[in-house]
Amino acid sequence: MSNRLIETLKSFNRKERFYLIGQMLGNPEFRMNDNQLYEISDLIGLTIPRKYFAAMDYHLDWIYASLYLTKNNSKSCVERNFIEENGIETDYQISGTQEDVDFLLAFVDEKKITHLVMIEAKGDSYFSNGQLDSKNKRFKAIFGNENTWPNVRPHFIICSPKKPQKISIEEPAYFIFNNKSELAWFPLEMGNGKKKSNSM
């Protein structure tokens, strides 16, 4: 399932901003800064290999569809007919919304386990328990428990200028907290002197 899952994840990635930013920065494969790669490796307690897939604004529906298609050895699907064609129950796995993770990092380790690192970022705003609860419900529906998707290990990380306080998530997905019973977090560097303007 390992490499096929990553190839399927790639096949769903149709975000024009991903391709535009990659093209404009001369980095079409979204190769990460080494320091950031090491920091994420430290947060999840694994060494991330040099071969990985990275994407931005990646839909949660695409993650579930990739898992489902790979597990069931399907090669293609028409996204809007995915639910009907595959006869699956849609108890929050496929929502038909734009709900996503800000950054997705997928790689295969030496034991042939595929890791999906999902990063959610906040800059000017803050992480609310309501928003995190909503995302947690989707994670629980998509990933189930440790045995739902053999050889797949999800991870969740939040990123913001300041570490959030008083985070509370009801019935958290099995992977959402790290060993310290808190969300894995790393700082988002936004610089100083940012201004706000009223919306037009």
N, C-alpha and C. Protein backbone atom coordinates (compact mmCIF):
# COMPACT_ATOMS: atom_id res chain seq x y z
N MET A 1 0.82 -1.21 0.00
CA MET A 1 0.00 0.00 0.00
C MET A 1 0.85 1.27 0.00
N SER A 2 2.08 1.17 0.48
CA SER A 2 2.87 2.35 0.80
C SER A 2 3.05 3.32 -0.37
N ASN A 3 3.81 2.92 -1.41
CA ASN A 3 4.06 3.83 -2.51
C ASN A 3 2.80 4.11 -3.32
N ARG A 4 1.91 3.13 -3.41
CA ARG A 4 0.66 3.35 -4.14
C ARG A 4 -0.18 4.41 -3.46
N LEU A 5 -0.18 4.43 -2.14
CA LEU A 5 -0.95 5.45 -1.43
C LEU A 5 -0.40 6.84 -1.76
N ILE A 6 0.89 7.01 -1.75
CA ILE A 6 1.48 8.31 -2.05
C ILE A 6 1.19 8.71 -3.49
N GLU A 7 1.27 7.78 -4.42
CA GLU A 7 0.95 8.09 -5.82
C GLU A 7 -0.51 8.50 -5.95
N THR A 8 -1.40 7.86 -5.20
CA THR A 8 -2.82 8.23 -5.25
C THR A 8 -3.04 9.60 -4.64
N LEU A 9 -2.36 9.89 -3.53
CA LEU A 9 -2.44 11.23 -2.94
C LEU A 9 -2.00 12.28 -3.96
N LYS A 10 -0.92 12.01 -4.68
CA LYS A 10 -0.43 12.94 -5.70
C LYS A 10 -1.48 13.16 -6.79
N SER A 11 -2.17 12.08 -7.17
CA SER A 11 -3.11 12.18 -8.29
C SER A 11 -4.31 13.06 -7.97
N PHE A 12 -4.66 13.22 -6.69
CA PHE A 12 -5.77 14.10 -6.32
C PHE A 12 -5.36 15.56 -6.22
N ASN A 13 -4.08 15.85 -6.16
CA ASN A 13 -3.60 17.20 -5.89
C ASN A 13 -3.74 18.09 -7.11
N ARG A 14 -4.86 18.80 -7.16
CA ARG A 14 -5.13 19.68 -8.30
C ARG A 14 -5.21 21.15 -7.87
N LYS A 15 -4.56 21.48 -6.79
CA LYS A 15 -4.59 22.87 -6.30
C LYS A 15 -3.68 23.75 -7.16
N GLU A 16 -4.28 24.72 -7.82
CA GLU A 16 -3.46 25.58 -8.69
C GLU A 16 -2.42 26.37 -7.90
N ARG A 17 -2.74 26.73 -6.65
CA ARG A 17 -1.77 27.49 -5.86
C ARG A 17 -0.52 26.67 -5.59
N PHE A 18 -0.67 25.37 -5.40
CA PHE A 18 0.48 24.49 -5.21
C PHE A 18 1.42 24.60 -6.42
N TYR A 19 0.86 24.47 -7.61
CA TYR A 19 1.68 24.50 -8.81
C TYR A 19 2.21 25.90 -9.11
N LEU A 20 1.40 26.92 -8.85
CA LEU A 20 1.85 28.29 -9.08
C LEU A 20 3.00 28.65 -8.15
N ILE A 21 2.85 28.37 -6.85
CA ILE A 21 3.90 28.70 -5.89
C ILE A 21 5.16 27.91 -6.19
N GLY A 22 5.01 26.62 -6.48
CA GLY A 22 6.18 25.81 -6.82
C GLY A 22 6.91 26.33 -8.03
N GLN A 23 6.13 26.75 -9.03
CA GLN A 23 6.74 27.28 -10.25
C GLN A 23 7.43 28.62 -9.99
N MET A 24 6.76 29.51 -9.27
CA MET A 24 7.31 30.84 -9.02
C MET A 24 8.56 30.79 -8.15
N LEU A 25 8.64 29.82 -7.24
CA LEU A 25 9.80 29.72 -6.35
C LEU A 25 10.85 28.76 -6.89
N GLY A 26 10.60 28.20 -8.07
CA GLY A 26 11.56 27.25 -8.63
C GLY A 26 11.67 25.98 -7.81
N ASN A 27 10.56 25.59 -7.17
CA ASN A 27 10.55 24.43 -6.29
C ASN A 27 9.25 23.65 -6.52
N PRO A 28 9.07 23.09 -7.73
CA PRO A 28 7.79 22.47 -8.09
C PRO A 28 7.43 21.24 -7.26
N GLU A 29 8.41 20.61 -6.63
CA GLU A 29 8.12 19.42 -5.82
C GLU A 29 7.91 19.74 -4.34
N PHE A 30 7.89 21.04 -4.01
CA PHE A 30 7.71 21.45 -2.61
C PHE A 30 8.74 20.77 -1.71
N ARG A 31 10.02 20.85 -2.10
CA ARG A 31 11.08 20.33 -1.23
C ARG A 31 11.19 21.24 -0.02
N MET A 32 11.23 20.65 1.15
CA MET A 32 11.20 21.42 2.38
C MET A 32 12.59 21.87 2.83
N ASN A 33 12.59 22.97 3.57
CA ASN A 33 13.80 23.44 4.22
C ASN A 33 14.27 22.38 5.21
N ASP A 34 15.57 22.10 5.22
CA ASP A 34 16.10 21.04 6.09
C ASP A 34 15.77 21.27 7.56
N ASN A 35 15.87 22.53 8.01
CA ASN A 35 15.59 22.81 9.42
C ASN A 35 14.15 22.46 9.78
N GLN A 36 13.22 22.78 8.88
CA GLN A 36 11.82 22.46 9.13
C GLN A 36 11.60 20.95 9.11
N LEU A 37 12.28 20.27 8.21
CA LEU A 37 12.16 18.82 8.12
C LEU A 37 12.65 18.17 9.41
N TYR A 38 13.76 18.67 9.93
CA TYR A 38 14.30 18.13 11.19
C TYR A 38 13.36 18.42 12.36
N GLU A 39 12.74 19.61 12.35
CA GLU A 39 11.85 19.98 13.45
C GLU A 39 10.61 19.07 13.46
N ILE A 40 10.06 18.81 12.28
CA ILE A 40 8.90 17.93 12.20
C ILE A 40 9.30 16.50 12.56
N SER A 41 10.47 16.07 12.10
CA SER A 41 10.98 14.75 12.48
C SER A 41 11.03 14.60 13.99
N ASP A 42 11.51 15.65 14.65
CA ASP A 42 11.62 15.62 16.11
C ASP A 42 10.25 15.55 16.77
N LEU A 43 9.29 16.29 16.23
CA LEU A 43 7.95 16.31 16.81
C LEU A 43 7.25 14.96 16.71
N ILE A 44 7.46 14.24 15.61
CA ILE A 44 6.77 12.97 15.45
C ILE A 44 7.63 11.78 15.86
N GLY A 45 8.88 12.06 16.25
CA GLY A 45 9.77 11.01 16.74
C GLY A 45 10.24 10.05 15.68
N LEU A 46 10.37 10.53 14.45
CA LEU A 46 10.82 9.70 13.33
C LEU A 46 11.76 10.51 12.45
N THR A 47 12.66 9.82 11.78
CA THR A 47 13.51 10.48 10.80
C THR A 47 12.81 10.45 9.45
N ILE A 48 12.48 11.62 8.92
CA ILE A 48 11.78 11.70 7.64
C ILE A 48 12.81 11.51 6.53
N PRO A 49 12.58 10.57 5.62
CA PRO A 49 13.53 10.33 4.53
C PRO A 49 13.54 11.48 3.54
N ARG A 50 14.51 11.49 2.65
CA ARG A 50 14.62 12.56 1.67
C ARG A 50 13.57 12.44 0.57
N LYS A 51 12.96 11.27 0.45
CA LYS A 51 11.91 11.08 -0.55
C LYS A 51 10.56 11.16 0.15
N TYR A 52 9.77 12.16 -0.22
CA TYR A 52 8.48 12.37 0.41
C TYR A 52 7.58 13.14 -0.55
N PHE A 53 6.31 13.20 -0.23
CA PHE A 53 5.34 14.00 -0.97
C PHE A 53 4.85 15.11 -0.05
N ALA A 54 4.85 16.34 -0.53
CA ALA A 54 4.38 17.47 0.25
C ALA A 54 3.38 18.27 -0.58
N ALA A 55 2.32 18.75 0.08
CA ALA A 55 1.30 19.53 -0.62
C ALA A 55 0.68 20.51 0.36
N MET A 56 0.05 21.54 -0.19
CA MET A 56 -0.62 22.53 0.65
C MET A 56 -2.12 22.50 0.40
N ASP A 57 -2.89 22.96 1.40
CA ASP A 57 -4.36 23.03 1.29
C ASP A 57 -4.93 21.72 0.76
N TYR A 58 -4.55 20.63 1.39
CA TYR A 58 -4.92 19.31 0.89
C TYR A 58 -6.24 18.86 1.52
N HIS A 59 -7.23 18.58 0.68
CA HIS A 59 -8.58 18.25 1.15
C HIS A 59 -8.61 16.94 1.94
N LEU A 60 -9.37 16.95 3.04
CA LEU A 60 -9.54 15.72 3.81
C LEU A 60 -10.29 14.66 3.00
N ASP A 61 -11.20 15.08 2.14
CA ASP A 61 -11.88 14.11 1.26
C ASP A 61 -10.87 13.37 0.39
N TRP A 62 -9.85 14.07 -0.08
CA TRP A 62 -8.84 13.44 -0.93
C TRP A 62 -8.04 12.41 -0.15
N ILE A 63 -7.79 12.72 1.12
CA ILE A 63 -7.04 11.76 1.94
C ILE A 63 -7.85 10.48 2.09
N TYR A 64 -9.13 10.62 2.44
CA TYR A 64 -9.94 9.41 2.60
C TYR A 64 -10.08 8.65 1.28
N ALA A 65 -10.33 9.37 0.20
CA ALA A 65 -10.46 8.71 -1.10
C ALA A 65 -9.18 7.96 -1.46
N SER A 66 -8.03 8.55 -1.18
CA SER A 66 -6.75 7.89 -1.48
C SER A 66 -6.58 6.63 -0.65
N LEU A 67 -6.91 6.71 0.63
CA LEU A 67 -6.82 5.53 1.50
C LEU A 67 -7.75 4.43 0.99
N TYR A 68 -8.98 4.80 0.67
CA TYR A 68 -9.97 3.82 0.23
C TYR A 68 -9.56 3.17 -1.09
N LEU A 69 -9.18 3.99 -2.07
CA LEU A 69 -8.83 3.45 -3.38
C LEU A 69 -7.60 2.55 -3.30
N THR A 70 -6.63 2.95 -2.49
CA THR A 70 -5.41 2.16 -2.37
C THR A 70 -5.69 0.83 -1.69
N LYS A 71 -6.45 0.87 -0.61
CA LYS A 71 -6.76 -0.36 0.13
C LYS A 71 -7.57 -1.33 -0.73
N ASN A 72 -8.47 -0.79 -1.55
CA ASN A 72 -9.34 -1.63 -2.37
C ASN A 72 -8.80 -1.85 -3.78
N ASN A 73 -7.54 -1.45 -3.99
CA ASN A 73 -6.85 -1.71 -5.25
C ASN A 73 -7.59 -1.13 -6.45
N SER A 74 -8.25 0.02 -6.23
CA SER A 74 -8.92 0.70 -7.34
C SER A 74 -7.94 1.66 -7.98
N LYS A 75 -8.08 1.85 -9.27
CA LYS A 75 -7.10 2.68 -9.99
C LYS A 75 -7.59 4.09 -10.25
N SER A 76 -8.88 4.27 -10.34
CA SER A 76 -9.38 5.61 -10.64
C SER A 76 -10.81 5.75 -10.15
N CYS A 77 -11.24 6.98 -10.05
CA CYS A 77 -12.64 7.24 -9.73
C CYS A 77 -12.98 8.63 -10.20
N VAL A 78 -14.25 8.85 -10.48
CA VAL A 78 -14.74 10.19 -10.75
C VAL A 78 -15.10 10.78 -9.41
N GLU A 79 -14.43 11.85 -9.02
CA GLU A 79 -14.54 12.33 -7.64
C GLU A 79 -15.99 12.60 -7.23
N ARG A 80 -16.77 13.25 -8.09
CA ARG A 80 -18.11 13.59 -7.67
C ARG A 80 -19.02 12.37 -7.56
N ASN A 81 -18.64 11.26 -8.19
CA ASN A 81 -19.42 10.04 -8.10
C ASN A 81 -18.77 9.00 -7.20
N PHE A 82 -17.76 9.43 -6.45
CA PHE A 82 -16.97 8.49 -5.65
C PHE A 82 -17.84 7.72 -4.65
N ILE A 83 -18.74 8.42 -3.98
CA ILE A 83 -19.57 7.78 -2.96
C ILE A 83 -20.47 6.73 -3.58
N GLU A 84 -21.18 7.11 -4.68
CA GLU A 84 -22.13 6.19 -5.28
C GLU A 84 -21.43 5.01 -5.94
N GLU A 85 -20.35 5.27 -6.67
CA GLU A 85 -19.67 4.22 -7.42
C GLU A 85 -19.06 3.17 -6.50
N ASN A 86 -18.58 3.62 -5.34
CA ASN A 86 -17.90 2.69 -4.45
C ASN A 86 -18.82 2.14 -3.37
N GLY A 87 -20.06 2.62 -3.33
CA GLY A 87 -21.03 2.08 -2.39
C GLY A 87 -20.61 2.18 -0.94
N ILE A 88 -19.93 3.27 -0.58
CA ILE A 88 -19.44 3.39 0.80
C ILE A 88 -20.41 4.22 1.64
N GLU A 89 -20.44 3.91 2.92
CA GLU A 89 -21.19 4.73 3.86
C GLU A 89 -20.41 6.02 4.09
N THR A 90 -21.09 7.13 4.21
CA THR A 90 -20.41 8.41 4.28
C THR A 90 -20.55 9.05 5.66
N ASP A 91 -20.32 8.28 6.68
CA ASP A 91 -20.43 8.79 8.03
C ASP A 91 -19.24 9.71 8.32
N TYR A 92 -19.25 10.88 7.63
CA TYR A 92 -18.26 11.92 7.87
C TYR A 92 -16.91 11.64 7.20
N GLN A 93 -16.76 10.50 6.51
CA GLN A 93 -15.49 10.27 5.82
C GLN A 93 -15.36 11.21 4.62
N ILE A 94 -16.40 11.22 3.78
CA ILE A 94 -16.44 12.12 2.64
C ILE A 94 -17.51 13.16 2.93
N SER A 95 -17.11 14.43 2.96
CA SER A 95 -18.06 15.48 3.35
C SER A 95 -18.53 16.31 2.16
N GLY A 96 -17.78 16.26 1.06
CA GLY A 96 -18.12 17.10 -0.08
C GLY A 96 -17.84 18.57 0.16
N THR A 97 -17.02 18.87 1.18
CA THR A 97 -16.66 20.25 1.48
C THR A 97 -15.19 20.51 1.12
N GLN A 98 -14.77 21.75 1.33
CA GLN A 98 -13.39 22.14 1.06
C GLN A 98 -12.50 21.97 2.29
N GLU A 99 -12.99 21.32 3.33
CA GLU A 99 -12.19 21.20 4.55
C GLU A 99 -10.87 20.50 4.25
N ASP A 100 -9.79 21.09 4.75
CA ASP A 100 -8.48 20.58 4.38
C ASP A 100 -7.50 20.69 5.54
N VAL A 101 -6.28 20.27 5.28
CA VAL A 101 -5.16 20.57 6.17
C VAL A 101 -4.25 21.53 5.40
N ASP A 102 -3.62 22.44 6.13
CA ASP A 102 -2.82 23.46 5.46
C ASP A 102 -1.60 22.88 4.77
N PHE A 103 -1.03 21.84 5.35
CA PHE A 103 0.15 21.22 4.74
C PHE A 103 0.10 19.73 5.00
N LEU A 104 0.38 18.96 3.97
CA LEU A 104 0.42 17.50 4.09
C LEU A 104 1.81 17.02 3.71
N LEU A 105 2.36 16.16 4.55
CA LEU A 105 3.66 15.54 4.28
C LEU A 105 3.46 14.04 4.38
N ALA A 106 3.80 13.31 3.32
CA ALA A 106 3.61 11.85 3.30
C ALA A 106 4.93 11.19 2.92
N PHE A 107 5.27 10.15 3.67
CA PHE A 107 6.51 9.42 3.38
C PHE A 107 6.39 7.99 3.85
N VAL A 108 7.29 7.15 3.34
CA VAL A 108 7.33 5.74 3.71
C VAL A 108 8.61 5.50 4.51
N ASP A 109 8.48 4.86 5.68
CA ASP A 109 9.66 4.60 6.49
C ASP A 109 10.29 3.26 6.11
N GLU A 110 11.36 2.90 6.83
CA GLU A 110 12.11 1.68 6.50
C GLU A 110 11.30 0.40 6.75
N LYS A 111 10.22 0.51 7.54
CA LYS A 111 9.35 -0.65 7.79
C LYS A 111 8.18 -0.71 6.83
N LYS A 112 8.22 0.14 5.79
CA LYS A 112 7.17 0.20 4.76
C LYS A 112 5.84 0.71 5.31
N ILE A 113 5.92 1.51 6.37
CA ILE A 113 4.73 2.18 6.90
C ILE A 113 4.65 3.57 6.28
N THR A 114 3.47 3.92 5.78
CA THR A 114 3.26 5.24 5.21
C THR A 114 2.78 6.19 6.30
N HIS A 115 3.49 7.29 6.47
CA HIS A 115 3.13 8.28 7.47
C HIS A 115 2.50 9.49 6.79
N LEU A 116 1.38 9.94 7.32
CA LEU A 116 0.69 11.13 6.83
C LEU A 116 0.75 12.19 7.92
N VAL A 117 1.58 13.21 7.70
CA VAL A 117 1.74 14.29 8.67
C VAL A 117 0.88 15.45 8.21
N MET A 118 -0.14 15.78 8.99
CA MET A 118 -1.08 16.84 8.64
C MET A 118 -0.83 18.04 9.54
N ILE A 119 -0.56 19.18 8.94
CA ILE A 119 -0.21 20.39 9.69
C ILE A 119 -1.29 21.45 9.48
N GLU A 120 -1.75 22.01 10.58
CA GLU A 120 -2.74 23.09 10.56
C GLU A 120 -2.07 24.34 11.11
N ALA A 121 -2.19 25.47 10.39
CA ALA A 121 -1.51 26.70 10.79
C ALA A 121 -2.50 27.82 11.06
N LYS A 122 -2.14 28.66 12.02
CA LYS A 122 -2.86 29.90 12.29
C LYS A 122 -1.83 31.01 12.40
N GLY A 123 -2.12 32.13 11.76
CA GLY A 123 -1.21 33.27 11.83
C GLY A 123 -1.78 34.35 12.71
N ASP A 124 -2.71 35.11 12.16
CA ASP A 124 -3.28 36.24 12.88
C ASP A 124 -4.39 35.80 13.82
N SER A 125 -5.11 34.74 13.47
CA SER A 125 -6.19 34.25 14.32
C SER A 125 -5.64 33.19 15.28
N TYR A 126 -6.55 32.49 15.96
CA TYR A 126 -6.10 31.53 16.97
C TYR A 126 -6.85 30.22 16.78
N PHE A 127 -6.33 29.15 17.37
CA PHE A 127 -6.97 27.85 17.32
C PHE A 127 -8.11 27.83 18.34
N SER A 128 -9.32 27.60 17.86
CA SER A 128 -10.45 27.48 18.78
C SER A 128 -10.73 26.00 19.03
N ASN A 129 -11.26 25.71 20.19
CA ASN A 129 -11.62 24.33 20.50
C ASN A 129 -12.71 23.82 19.55
N GLY A 130 -13.61 24.72 19.13
CA GLY A 130 -14.67 24.32 18.20
C GLY A 130 -14.10 23.87 16.87
N GLN A 131 -13.14 24.64 16.35
CA GLN A 131 -12.53 24.27 15.07
C GLN A 131 -11.76 22.97 15.19
N LEU A 132 -11.00 22.83 16.26
CA LEU A 132 -10.22 21.61 16.45
C LEU A 132 -11.11 20.40 16.69
N ASP A 133 -12.24 20.60 17.38
CA ASP A 133 -13.20 19.51 17.58
C ASP A 133 -13.76 19.04 16.24
N SER A 134 -14.07 20.00 15.36
CA SER A 134 -14.60 19.66 14.04
C SER A 134 -13.59 18.84 13.24
N LYS A 135 -12.35 19.30 13.26
CA LYS A 135 -11.31 18.56 12.53
C LYS A 135 -11.09 17.19 13.15
N ASN A 136 -11.15 17.11 14.48
CA ASN A 136 -10.98 15.84 15.17
C ASN A 136 -12.07 14.84 14.76
N LYS A 137 -13.31 15.30 14.61
CA LYS A 137 -14.39 14.41 14.19
C LYS A 137 -14.11 13.84 12.80
N ARG A 138 -13.61 14.68 11.91
CA ARG A 138 -13.26 14.18 10.58
C ARG A 138 -12.12 13.17 10.66
N PHE A 139 -11.12 13.46 11.47
CA PHE A 139 -10.00 12.53 11.62
C PHE A 139 -10.48 11.18 12.14
N LYS A 140 -11.37 11.19 13.12
CA LYS A 140 -11.87 9.94 13.67
C LYS A 140 -12.64 9.15 12.62
N ALA A 141 -13.44 9.86 11.81
CA ALA A 141 -14.20 9.18 10.76
C ALA A 141 -13.29 8.64 9.67
N ILE A 142 -12.27 9.40 9.31
CA ILE A 142 -11.37 9.00 8.22
C ILE A 142 -10.42 7.89 8.65
N PHE A 143 -9.82 8.04 9.82
CA PHE A 143 -8.74 7.13 10.21
C PHE A 143 -9.17 6.02 11.17
N GLY A 144 -10.33 6.14 11.79
CA GLY A 144 -10.80 5.08 12.68
C GLY A 144 -9.85 4.84 13.83
N ASN A 145 -9.39 3.58 13.96
CA ASN A 145 -8.43 3.24 15.00
C ASN A 145 -7.14 2.73 14.38
N GLU A 146 -6.25 2.25 15.22
CA GLU A 146 -4.91 1.83 14.74
C GLU A 146 -4.97 0.72 13.71
N ASN A 147 -6.09 -0.01 13.65
CA ASN A 147 -6.19 -1.16 12.74
C ASN A 147 -7.00 -0.87 11.48
N THR A 148 -7.56 0.34 11.37
CA THR A 148 -8.43 0.65 10.22
C THR A 148 -7.66 0.63 8.91
N TRP A 149 -6.51 1.25 8.88
CA TRP A 149 -5.68 1.30 7.67
C TRP A 149 -4.32 0.69 8.01
N PRO A 150 -4.15 -0.60 7.76
CA PRO A 150 -2.86 -1.25 8.08
C PRO A 150 -1.70 -0.55 7.39
N ASN A 151 -0.61 -0.41 8.13
CA ASN A 151 0.62 0.19 7.60
C ASN A 151 0.48 1.66 7.23
N VAL A 152 -0.49 2.35 7.82
CA VAL A 152 -0.62 3.80 7.66
C VAL A 152 -0.66 4.42 9.05
N ARG A 153 0.15 5.44 9.27
CA ARG A 153 0.19 6.11 10.56
C ARG A 153 -0.01 7.63 10.36
N PRO A 154 -1.15 8.16 10.81
CA PRO A 154 -1.37 9.61 10.72
C PRO A 154 -0.72 10.35 11.89
N HIS A 155 -0.41 11.62 11.65
CA HIS A 155 0.14 12.51 12.68
C HIS A 155 -0.52 13.87 12.48
N PHE A 156 -0.70 14.61 13.56
CA PHE A 156 -1.30 15.95 13.47
C PHE A 156 -0.44 16.93 14.24
N ILE A 157 -0.14 18.06 13.59
CA ILE A 157 0.71 19.09 14.19
C ILE A 157 0.03 20.44 13.96
N ILE A 158 0.09 21.31 14.96
CA ILE A 158 -0.39 22.67 14.78
C ILE A 158 0.80 23.63 14.77
N CYS A 159 0.60 24.76 14.12
CA CYS A 159 1.69 25.72 13.91
C CYS A 159 1.11 27.12 14.04
N SER A 160 1.73 27.95 14.87
CA SER A 160 1.25 29.31 15.09
C SER A 160 2.37 30.14 15.72
N PRO A 161 2.27 31.49 15.66
CA PRO A 161 3.32 32.31 16.26
C PRO A 161 3.48 32.07 17.75
N LYS A 162 2.37 31.85 18.45
CA LYS A 162 2.42 31.58 19.89
C LYS A 162 1.77 30.23 20.18
N LYS A 163 2.32 29.52 21.14
CA LYS A 163 1.76 28.23 21.49
C LYS A 163 0.37 28.42 22.09
N PRO A 164 -0.64 27.74 21.53
CA PRO A 164 -2.00 27.91 22.08
C PRO A 164 -2.13 27.33 23.47
N GLN A 165 -3.01 27.94 24.24
CA GLN A 165 -3.25 27.51 25.62
C GLN A 165 -4.68 26.97 25.75
N LYS A 166 -4.89 26.15 26.76
CA LYS A 166 -6.22 25.65 27.10
C LYS A 166 -6.91 24.95 25.95
N ILE A 167 -6.17 24.13 25.23
CA ILE A 167 -6.76 23.33 24.16
C ILE A 167 -7.49 22.15 24.79
N SER A 168 -8.73 21.95 24.38
CA SER A 168 -9.52 20.83 24.87
C SER A 168 -10.26 20.20 23.71
N ILE A 169 -10.05 18.90 23.50
CA ILE A 169 -10.69 18.18 22.40
C ILE A 169 -11.44 16.99 22.98
N GLU A 170 -12.72 16.91 22.69
CA GLU A 170 -13.53 15.82 23.21
C GLU A 170 -13.28 14.54 22.41
N GLU A 171 -13.09 13.45 23.11
CA GLU A 171 -12.88 12.14 22.50
C GLU A 171 -11.90 12.23 21.32
N PRO A 172 -10.65 12.55 21.61
CA PRO A 172 -9.68 12.77 20.52
C PRO A 172 -9.39 11.52 19.70
N ALA A 173 -9.12 11.73 18.42
CA ALA A 173 -8.67 10.64 17.56
C ALA A 173 -7.42 10.02 18.17
N TYR A 174 -7.21 8.74 17.90
CA TYR A 174 -6.15 8.00 18.61
C TYR A 174 -4.76 8.59 18.43
N PHE A 175 -4.55 9.36 17.38
CA PHE A 175 -3.20 9.85 17.07
C PHE A 175 -3.02 11.33 17.34
N ILE A 176 -4.08 12.03 17.75
CA ILE A 176 -4.04 13.49 17.70
C ILE A 176 -3.13 14.12 18.76
N PHE A 177 -2.97 13.47 19.89
CA PHE A 177 -2.08 13.98 20.92
C PHE A 177 -0.76 13.23 20.90
N ASN A 178 0.31 13.93 21.28
CA ASN A 178 1.60 13.25 21.38
C ASN A 178 1.74 12.61 22.76
N ASN A 179 2.92 12.15 23.08
CA ASN A 179 3.12 11.43 24.33
C ASN A 179 2.89 12.28 25.57
N LYS A 180 2.90 13.59 25.43
CA LYS A 180 2.69 14.47 26.57
C LYS A 180 1.21 14.83 26.74
N SER A 181 0.35 14.14 25.99
CA SER A 181 -1.10 14.41 26.03
C SER A 181 -1.41 15.84 25.63
N GLU A 182 -0.66 16.36 24.68
CA GLU A 182 -0.94 17.68 24.13
C GLU A 182 -0.67 17.65 22.63
N LEU A 183 -1.22 18.64 21.93
CA LEU A 183 -1.00 18.69 20.49
C LEU A 183 0.45 19.05 20.20
N ALA A 184 1.02 18.35 19.23
CA ALA A 184 2.37 18.71 18.79
C ALA A 184 2.30 20.09 18.14
N TRP A 185 3.23 20.96 18.50
CA TRP A 185 3.21 22.36 18.02
C TRP A 185 4.61 22.81 17.66
N PHE A 186 4.70 23.63 16.60
CA PHE A 186 5.95 24.34 16.35
C PHE A 186 5.63 25.77 15.92
N PRO A 187 6.56 26.70 16.15
CA PRO A 187 6.27 28.12 15.91
C PRO A 187 6.23 28.49 14.43
N LEU A 188 5.30 29.36 14.09
CA LEU A 188 5.22 29.93 12.75
C LEU A 188 5.89 31.29 12.79
N GLU A 189 6.95 31.44 12.01
CA GLU A 189 7.71 32.69 11.99
C GLU A 189 7.07 33.65 10.99
N MET A 190 6.46 34.71 11.49
CA MET A 190 5.79 35.68 10.62
C MET A 190 6.46 37.05 10.64
N GLY A 191 7.53 37.21 11.41
CA GLY A 191 8.17 38.51 11.50
C GLY A 191 7.35 39.48 12.35
N ASN A 192 7.84 40.69 12.44
CA ASN A 192 7.19 41.70 13.28
C ASN A 192 6.54 42.78 12.43
N GLY A 193 5.73 43.61 13.09
CA GLY A 193 5.18 44.80 12.45
C GLY A 193 4.08 44.54 11.44
N LYS A 194 3.36 43.44 11.57
CA LYS A 194 2.27 43.15 10.64
C LYS A 194 1.09 44.08 10.93
N LYS A 195 0.52 44.65 9.86
CA LYS A 195 -0.60 45.56 10.00
C LYS A 195 -1.91 44.88 9.63
N LYS A 196 -3.00 45.41 10.17
CA LYS A 196 -4.33 44.93 9.83
C LYS A 196 -5.08 46.03 9.10
N SER A 197 -5.94 45.63 8.18
CA SER A 197 -6.82 46.60 7.53
C SER A 197 -8.25 46.08 7.62
N ASN A 198 -9.20 47.00 7.62
CA ASN A 198 -10.60 46.58 7.65
C ASN A 198 -10.94 45.93 6.33
N SER A 199 -11.80 44.91 6.37
CA SER A 199 -12.19 44.25 5.12
C SER A 199 -13.01 45.22 4.30
N MET A 200 -12.89 45.11 2.98
CA MET A 200 -13.57 46.01 2.07
C MET A 200 -15.05 45.64 1.97
